[in-house]
Amino acid sequence: MIQTNKILSMILVSLLLITCNKEDETKKNLMNLSGKYSDAKPYNYGKAWGKREFSFENGKWTLFFTLALDPEMKLPVFTFRTLGTFKIEEKSSSVKQAYNALFMEEKKFVTLKTNDKNLIQAFRFAECDLEKDVEKDISEKGCSAWKSVSECPGDYDLLSLDNEGKLYFGERPQDNNMCSPDKRPTKLTPPVSKL
């Protein structure tokens, strides 16, 4: 009986070590992300479609996001670009296979892509003094649903990497506010794939 318990204990310890090593390897791979990742196809945000393009290199990241009124992305409303550093924290307690991540935003930019006054009003872009097709740095004052860098220096997000190398981020809330740990998402978006 004692021998059986000893063998079972050794098996459990071995399984635990294998699990921990796999988690450590996944976290290491997330911390060392390199290259460009993009949505395979735009995904639906209700009445609009969005496409994300991420770049990672040496602990730095960039996001280029386009929102359009059609899945072919021929009727863009705006583009948003942000950049900074990131760090991978502990495993998520609410989303299996995901890690808590903090994406610091050093700069934020928006570009208006429409002349439609109703859309400009709906997105509160009139308050931002934007000119169509001209990228504007909104880091200092913010714009629409984006807060300034001083008010919201980073997103408390989720990040997951599957066996095929696809990345999953947390699903953004309606108000776009992920500026504190309590605002961290509780589910993942569709993946982005390495280009």
C-alpha atoms as a PDB file:
ATOM      1  CA  MET A   1       0.000   0.000   0.000  1.00  0.00           C
ATOM      2  CA  ILE A   2       2.786   2.410   0.932  1.00  0.00           C
ATOM      3  CA  GLN A   3       4.603   1.539  -2.301  1.00  0.00           C
ATOM      4  CA  THR A   4       1.423   2.219  -4.362  1.00  0.00           C
ATOM      5  CA  ASN A   5       0.937   5.610  -2.685  1.00  0.00           C
ATOM      6  CA  LYS A   6       4.570   6.467  -3.376  1.00  0.00           C
ATOM      7  CA  ILE A   7       4.186   5.577  -7.071  1.00  0.00           C
ATOM      8  CA  LEU A   8       0.954   7.591  -7.343  1.00  0.00           C
ATOM      9  CA  SER A   9       2.649  10.572  -5.693  1.00  0.00           C
ATOM     10  CA  MET A  10       5.550  10.360  -8.146  1.00  0.00           C
ATOM     11  CA  ILE A  11       3.131  10.228 -11.104  1.00  0.00           C
ATOM     12  CA  LEU A  12       1.218  13.267  -9.805  1.00  0.00           C
ATOM     13  CA  VAL A  13       4.432  15.232  -9.271  1.00  0.00           C
ATOM     14  CA  SER A  14       5.593  14.325 -12.804  1.00  0.00           C
ATOM     15  CA  LEU A  15       2.281  15.444 -14.316  1.00  0.00           C
ATOM     16  CA  LEU A  16       2.420  18.685 -12.348  1.00  0.00           C
ATOM     17  CA  LEU A  17       5.967  19.374 -13.553  1.00  0.00           C
ATOM     18  CA  ILE A  18       4.976  18.692 -17.178  1.00  0.00           C
ATOM     19  CA  THR A  19       1.996  21.071 -16.858  1.00  0.00           C
ATOM     20  CA  CYS A  20       4.134  23.783 -15.227  1.00  0.00           C
ATOM     21  CA  ASN A  21       6.849  23.417 -17.882  1.00  0.00           C
ATOM     22  CA  LYS A  22       4.248  23.734 -20.664  1.00  0.00           C
ATOM     23  CA  GLU A  23       2.784  26.855 -19.033  1.00  0.00           C
ATOM     24  CA  ASP A  24       6.263  28.345 -18.579  1.00  0.00           C
ATOM     25  CA  GLU A  25       7.017  27.635 -22.253  1.00  0.00           C
ATOM     26  CA  THR A  26       3.755  29.286 -23.396  1.00  0.00           C
ATOM     27  CA  LYS A  27       4.411  32.351 -21.251  1.00  0.00           C
ATOM     28  CA  LYS A  28       7.970  32.567 -22.600  1.00  0.00           C
ATOM     29  CA  ASN A  29       6.667  32.335 -26.192  1.00  0.00           C
ATOM     30  CA  LEU A  30       4.162  35.131 -25.494  1.00  0.00           C
ATOM     31  CA  MET A  31       6.830  37.360 -23.953  1.00  0.00           C
ATOM     32  CA  ASN A  32       9.080  36.789 -26.977  1.00  0.00           C
ATOM     33  CA  LEU A  33       6.492  37.412 -29.692  1.00  0.00           C
ATOM     34  CA  SER A  34       8.015  38.579 -32.954  1.00  0.00           C
ATOM     35  CA  GLY A  35       6.518  39.422 -36.325  1.00  0.00           C
ATOM     36  CA  LYS A  36       3.191  40.548 -37.741  1.00  0.00           C
ATOM     37  CA  TYR A  37      -0.236  39.096 -36.989  1.00  0.00           C
ATOM     38  CA  SER A  38      -3.541  39.925 -38.638  1.00  0.00           C
ATOM     39  CA  ASP A  39      -7.192  38.913 -38.737  1.00  0.00           C
ATOM     40  CA  ALA A  40      -7.741  36.361 -41.507  1.00  0.00           C
ATOM     41  CA  LYS A  41     -10.942  38.237 -42.303  1.00  0.00           C
ATOM     42  CA  PRO A  42     -12.686  41.209 -40.709  1.00  0.00           C
ATOM     43  CA  TYR A  43     -14.972  40.289 -37.868  1.00  0.00           C
ATOM     44  CA  ASN A  44     -18.356  41.679 -37.026  1.00  0.00           C
ATOM     45  CA  TYR A  45     -18.847  44.345 -34.349  1.00  0.00           C
ATOM     46  CA  GLY A  46     -22.629  44.478 -34.708  1.00  0.00           C
ATOM     47  CA  LYS A  47     -23.255  46.936 -37.548  1.00  0.00           C
ATOM     48  CA  ALA A  48     -19.594  47.329 -38.519  1.00  0.00           C
ATOM     49  CA  TRP A  49     -16.524  45.198 -39.249  1.00  0.00           C
ATOM     50  CA  GLY A  50     -13.018  45.534 -37.896  1.00  0.00           C
ATOM     51  CA  LYS A  51      -9.599  44.352 -38.933  1.00  0.00           C
ATOM     52  CA  ARG A  52      -6.562  44.253 -36.636  1.00  0.00           C
ATOM     53  CA  GLU A  53      -2.903  44.132 -37.596  1.00  0.00           C
ATOM     54  CA  PHE A  54      -0.356  43.670 -34.814  1.00  0.00           C
ATOM     55  CA  SER A  55       3.434  43.871 -34.889  1.00  0.00           C
ATOM     56  CA  PHE A  56       5.667  42.561 -32.104  1.00  0.00           C
ATOM     57  CA  GLU A  57       9.419  42.965 -31.676  1.00  0.00           C
ATOM     58  CA  ASN A  58      11.725  43.012 -28.636  1.00  0.00           C
ATOM     59  CA  GLY A  59       8.960  43.594 -26.078  1.00  0.00           C
ATOM     60  CA  LYS A  60       7.333  46.331 -28.180  1.00  0.00           C
ATOM     61  CA  TRP A  61       4.025  46.184 -29.989  1.00  0.00           C
ATOM     62  CA  THR A  62       1.985  48.159 -32.515  1.00  0.00           C
ATOM     63  CA  LEU A  63      -1.687  47.853 -33.427  1.00  0.00           C
ATOM     64  CA  PHE A  64      -3.232  49.167 -36.641  1.00  0.00           C
ATOM     65  CA  PHE A  65      -7.031  48.833 -36.541  1.00  0.00           C
ATOM     66  CA  THR A  66      -9.550  49.668 -39.284  1.00  0.00           C
ATOM     67  CA  LEU A  67     -13.319  49.898 -38.762  1.00  0.00           C
ATOM     68  CA  ALA A  68     -15.612  49.763 -41.799  1.00  0.00           C
ATOM     69  CA  LEU A  69     -19.331  49.527 -42.541  1.00  0.00           C
ATOM     70  CA  ASP A  70     -18.921  46.463 -44.773  1.00  0.00           C
ATOM     71  CA  PRO A  71     -17.119  43.123 -44.491  1.00  0.00           C
ATOM     72  CA  GLU A  72     -15.085  43.917 -47.630  1.00  0.00           C
ATOM     73  CA  MET A  73     -13.687  47.000 -45.797  1.00  0.00           C
ATOM     74  CA  LYS A  74     -14.521  49.276 -48.761  1.00  0.00           C
ATOM     75  CA  LEU A  75     -16.430  51.750 -46.577  1.00  0.00           C
ATOM     76  CA  PRO A  76     -13.928  52.569 -43.815  1.00  0.00           C
ATOM     77  CA  VAL A  77     -14.962  54.902 -40.985  1.00  0.00           C
ATOM     78  CA  PHE A  78     -11.612  55.329 -39.233  1.00  0.00           C
ATOM     79  CA  THR A  79      -8.229  53.786 -38.559  1.00  0.00           C
ATOM     80  CA  PHE A  80      -6.585  53.704 -35.143  1.00  0.00           C
ATOM     81  CA  ARG A  81      -2.906  53.139 -34.460  1.00  0.00           C
ATOM     82  CA  THR A  82      -1.205  52.682 -31.115  1.00  0.00           C
ATOM     83  CA  LEU A  83       2.211  51.529 -29.948  1.00  0.00           C
ATOM     84  CA  GLY A  84       4.185  50.826 -26.818  1.00  0.00           C
ATOM     85  CA  THR A  85       5.551  48.000 -24.704  1.00  0.00           C
ATOM     86  CA  PHE A  86       3.848  44.934 -23.262  1.00  0.00           C
ATOM     87  CA  LYS A  87       4.307  42.405 -20.515  1.00  0.00           C
ATOM     88  CA  ILE A  88       2.784  39.026 -19.815  1.00  0.00           C
ATOM     89  CA  GLU A  89       1.578  38.581 -16.267  1.00  0.00           C
ATOM     90  CA  GLU A  90       0.054  35.571 -14.460  1.00  0.00           C
ATOM     91  CA  LYS A  91      -2.354  33.024 -15.947  1.00  0.00           C
ATOM     92  CA  SER A  92      -5.917  34.272 -16.194  1.00  0.00           C
ATOM     93  CA  SER A  93      -8.196  32.982 -13.460  1.00  0.00           C
ATOM     94  CA  SER A  94     -11.297  33.523 -15.623  1.00  0.00           C
ATOM     95  CA  VAL A  95     -10.238  32.434 -19.138  1.00  0.00           C
ATOM     96  CA  LYS A  96      -8.668  29.023 -19.655  1.00  0.00           C
ATOM     97  CA  GLN A  97      -5.427  28.978 -21.690  1.00  0.00           C
ATOM     98  CA  ALA A  98      -5.049  32.784 -21.448  1.00  0.00           C
ATOM     99  CA  TYR A  99      -2.583  34.977 -19.604  1.00  0.00           C
ATOM    100  CA  ASN A 100      -3.221  38.412 -18.189  1.00  0.00           C
ATOM    101  CA  ALA A 101      -1.308  40.926 -20.281  1.00  0.00           C
ATOM    102  CA  LEU A 102      -0.631  44.642 -19.948  1.00  0.00           C
ATOM    103  CA  PHE A 103      -0.253  46.609 -23.180  1.00  0.00           C
ATOM    104  CA  MET A 104       1.253  50.014 -22.419  1.00  0.00           C
ATOM    105  CA  GLU A 105       0.296  52.674 -24.970  1.00  0.00           C
ATOM    106  CA  GLU A 106       2.946  55.333 -25.460  1.00  0.00           C
ATOM    107  CA  LYS A 107       1.212  56.917 -28.458  1.00  0.00           C
ATOM    108  CA  LYS A 108      -2.293  56.840 -29.951  1.00  0.00           C
ATOM    109  CA  PHE A 109      -3.344  58.046 -33.415  1.00  0.00           C
ATOM    110  CA  VAL A 110      -6.634  58.188 -35.288  1.00  0.00           C
ATOM    111  CA  THR A 111      -7.418  58.858 -38.964  1.00  0.00           C
ATOM    112  CA  LEU A 112     -10.903  59.801 -40.129  1.00  0.00           C
ATOM    113  CA  LYS A 113     -11.835  57.893 -43.306  1.00  0.00           C
ATOM    114  CA  THR A 114     -15.341  59.225 -44.009  1.00  0.00           C
ATOM    115  CA  ASN A 115     -17.159  62.473 -44.845  1.00  0.00           C
ATOM    116  CA  ASP A 116     -20.484  61.195 -43.510  1.00  0.00           C
ATOM    117  CA  LYS A 117     -21.635  63.794 -40.972  1.00  0.00           C
ATOM    118  CA  ASN A 118     -23.928  61.337 -39.188  1.00  0.00           C
ATOM    119  CA  LEU A 119     -21.060  58.897 -38.631  1.00  0.00           C
ATOM    120  CA  ILE A 120     -18.745  61.698 -37.524  1.00  0.00           C
ATOM    121  CA  GLN A 121     -21.386  62.780 -35.005  1.00  0.00           C
ATOM    122  CA  ALA A 122     -22.142  59.210 -33.864  1.00  0.00           C
ATOM    123  CA  PHE A 123     -18.452  58.529 -33.137  1.00  0.00           C
ATOM    124  CA  ARG A 124     -17.976  61.986 -31.538  1.00  0.00           C
ATOM    125  CA  PHE A 125     -15.188  62.753 -34.011  1.00  0.00           C
ATOM    126  CA  ALA A 126     -16.354  66.364 -34.469  1.00  0.00           C
ATOM    127  CA  GLU A 127     -14.918  67.111 -31.008  1.00  0.00           C
ATOM    128  CA  CYS A 128     -11.468  65.895 -32.113  1.00  0.00           C
ATOM    129  CA  ASP A 129     -10.827  68.375 -34.934  1.00  0.00           C
ATOM    130  CA  LEU A 130     -10.032  65.624 -37.435  1.00  0.00           C
ATOM    131  CA  GLU A 131      -9.382  66.031 -41.136  1.00  0.00           C
ATOM    132  CA  LYS A 132     -10.234  63.165 -43.482  1.00  0.00           C
ATOM    133  CA  ASP A 133      -7.259  60.936 -44.375  1.00  0.00           C
ATOM    134  CA  VAL A 134      -4.890  62.852 -42.074  1.00  0.00           C
ATOM    135  CA  GLU A 135      -3.568  60.885 -39.097  1.00  0.00           C
ATOM    136  CA  LYS A 136      -3.842  62.833 -35.835  1.00  0.00           C
ATOM    137  CA  ASP A 137      -1.882  62.195 -32.651  1.00  0.00           C
ATOM    138  CA  ILE A 138      -4.491  61.906 -29.875  1.00  0.00           C
ATOM    139  CA  SER A 139      -2.026  60.846 -27.171  1.00  0.00           C
ATOM    140  CA  GLU A 140      -2.320  64.073 -25.192  1.00  0.00           C
ATOM    141  CA  LYS A 141      -6.060  64.807 -25.322  1.00  0.00           C
ATOM    142  CA  GLY A 142      -7.708  61.560 -26.397  1.00  0.00           C
ATOM    143  CA  CYS A 143     -10.595  61.411 -28.863  1.00  0.00           C
ATOM    144  CA  SER A 144     -14.010  59.773 -28.912  1.00  0.00           C
ATOM    145  CA  ALA A 145     -13.786  56.491 -26.921  1.00  0.00           C
ATOM    146  CA  TRP A 146      -9.967  56.715 -26.612  1.00  0.00           C
ATOM    147  CA  LYS A 147      -8.656  58.354 -23.466  1.00  0.00           C
ATOM    148  CA  SER A 148      -5.390  60.279 -23.363  1.00  0.00           C
ATOM    149  CA  VAL A 149      -2.176  58.399 -22.567  1.00  0.00           C
ATOM    150  CA  SER A 150      -1.989  60.122 -19.171  1.00  0.00           C
ATOM    151  CA  GLU A 151      -5.559  59.069 -18.304  1.00  0.00           C
ATOM    152  CA  CYS A 152      -5.224  55.543 -19.734  1.00  0.00           C
ATOM    153  CA  PRO A 153      -1.583  54.560 -20.290  1.00  0.00           C
ATOM    154  CA  GLY A 154      -2.336  50.907 -20.919  1.00  0.00           C
ATOM    155  CA  ASP A 155      -4.862  48.174 -21.599  1.00  0.00           C
ATOM    156  CA  TYR A 156      -5.333  45.356 -19.093  1.00  0.00           C
ATOM    157  CA  ASP A 157      -5.944  42.597 -21.579  1.00  0.00           C
ATOM    158  CA  LEU A 158      -5.768  38.851 -22.134  1.00  0.00           C
ATOM    159  CA  LEU A 159      -3.428  36.999 -24.466  1.00  0.00           C
ATOM    160  CA  SER A 160      -3.456  33.372 -25.544  1.00  0.00           C
ATOM    161  CA  LEU A 161      -1.361  31.407 -28.021  1.00  0.00           C
ATOM    162  CA  ASP A 162      -2.686  28.151 -29.479  1.00  0.00           C
ATOM    163  CA  ASN A 163      -0.777  25.165 -30.865  1.00  0.00           C
ATOM    164  CA  GLU A 164      -1.024  26.567 -34.418  1.00  0.00           C
ATOM    165  CA  GLY A 165       0.640  29.837 -33.371  1.00  0.00           C
ATOM    166  CA  LYS A 166      -2.563  31.911 -33.518  1.00  0.00           C
ATOM    167  CA  LEU A 167      -2.965  34.748 -31.010  1.00  0.00           C
ATOM    168  CA  TYR A 168      -6.141  35.560 -29.114  1.00  0.00           C
ATOM    169  CA  PHE A 169      -6.789  38.844 -27.304  1.00  0.00           C
ATOM    170  CA  GLY A 170      -9.522  39.839 -24.877  1.00  0.00           C
ATOM    171  CA  GLU A 171     -12.835  41.063 -26.258  1.00  0.00           C
ATOM    172  CA  ARG A 172     -13.065  44.821 -25.775  1.00  0.00           C
ATOM    173  CA  PRO A 173     -16.029  46.195 -23.813  1.00  0.00           C
ATOM    174  CA  GLN A 174     -18.618  48.515 -25.407  1.00  0.00           C
ATOM    175  CA  ASP A 175     -17.104  51.586 -23.703  1.00  0.00           C
ATOM    176  CA  ASN A 176     -13.567  50.630 -24.871  1.00  0.00           C
ATOM    177  CA  ASN A 177     -12.311  51.019 -21.278  1.00  0.00           C
ATOM    178  CA  MET A 178      -9.666  48.486 -20.267  1.00  0.00           C
ATOM    179  CA  CYS A 179      -7.640  51.033 -18.290  1.00  0.00           C
ATOM    180  CA  SER A 180      -7.563  49.166 -14.968  1.00  0.00           C
ATOM    181  CA  PRO A 181      -7.289  45.512 -13.857  1.00  0.00           C
ATOM    182  CA  ASP A 182     -11.015  45.335 -13.000  1.00  0.00           C
ATOM    183  CA  LYS A 183     -11.799  46.201 -16.651  1.00  0.00           C
ATOM    184  CA  ARG A 184      -9.873  43.214 -18.001  1.00  0.00           C
ATOM    185  CA  PRO A 185     -11.985  41.198 -20.525  1.00  0.00           C
ATOM    186  CA  THR A 186     -13.466  37.844 -19.581  1.00  0.00           C
ATOM    187  CA  LYS A 187     -13.570  36.251 -23.035  1.00  0.00           C
ATOM    188  CA  LEU A 188     -11.409  36.119 -26.142  1.00  0.00           C
ATOM    189  CA  THR A 189     -11.826  37.498 -29.657  1.00  0.00           C
ATOM    190  CA  PRO A 190     -11.300  35.460 -32.815  1.00  0.00           C
ATOM    191  CA  PRO A 191      -7.572  34.820 -33.402  1.00  0.00           C
ATOM    192  CA  VAL A 192      -5.021  36.721 -35.450  1.00  0.00           C
ATOM    193  CA  SER A 193      -2.557  34.690 -37.519  1.00  0.00           C
ATOM    194  CA  LYS A 194       1.102  35.309 -38.239  1.00  0.00           C
ATOM    195  CA  LEU A 195       1.746  36.771 -41.670  1.00  0.00           C
END
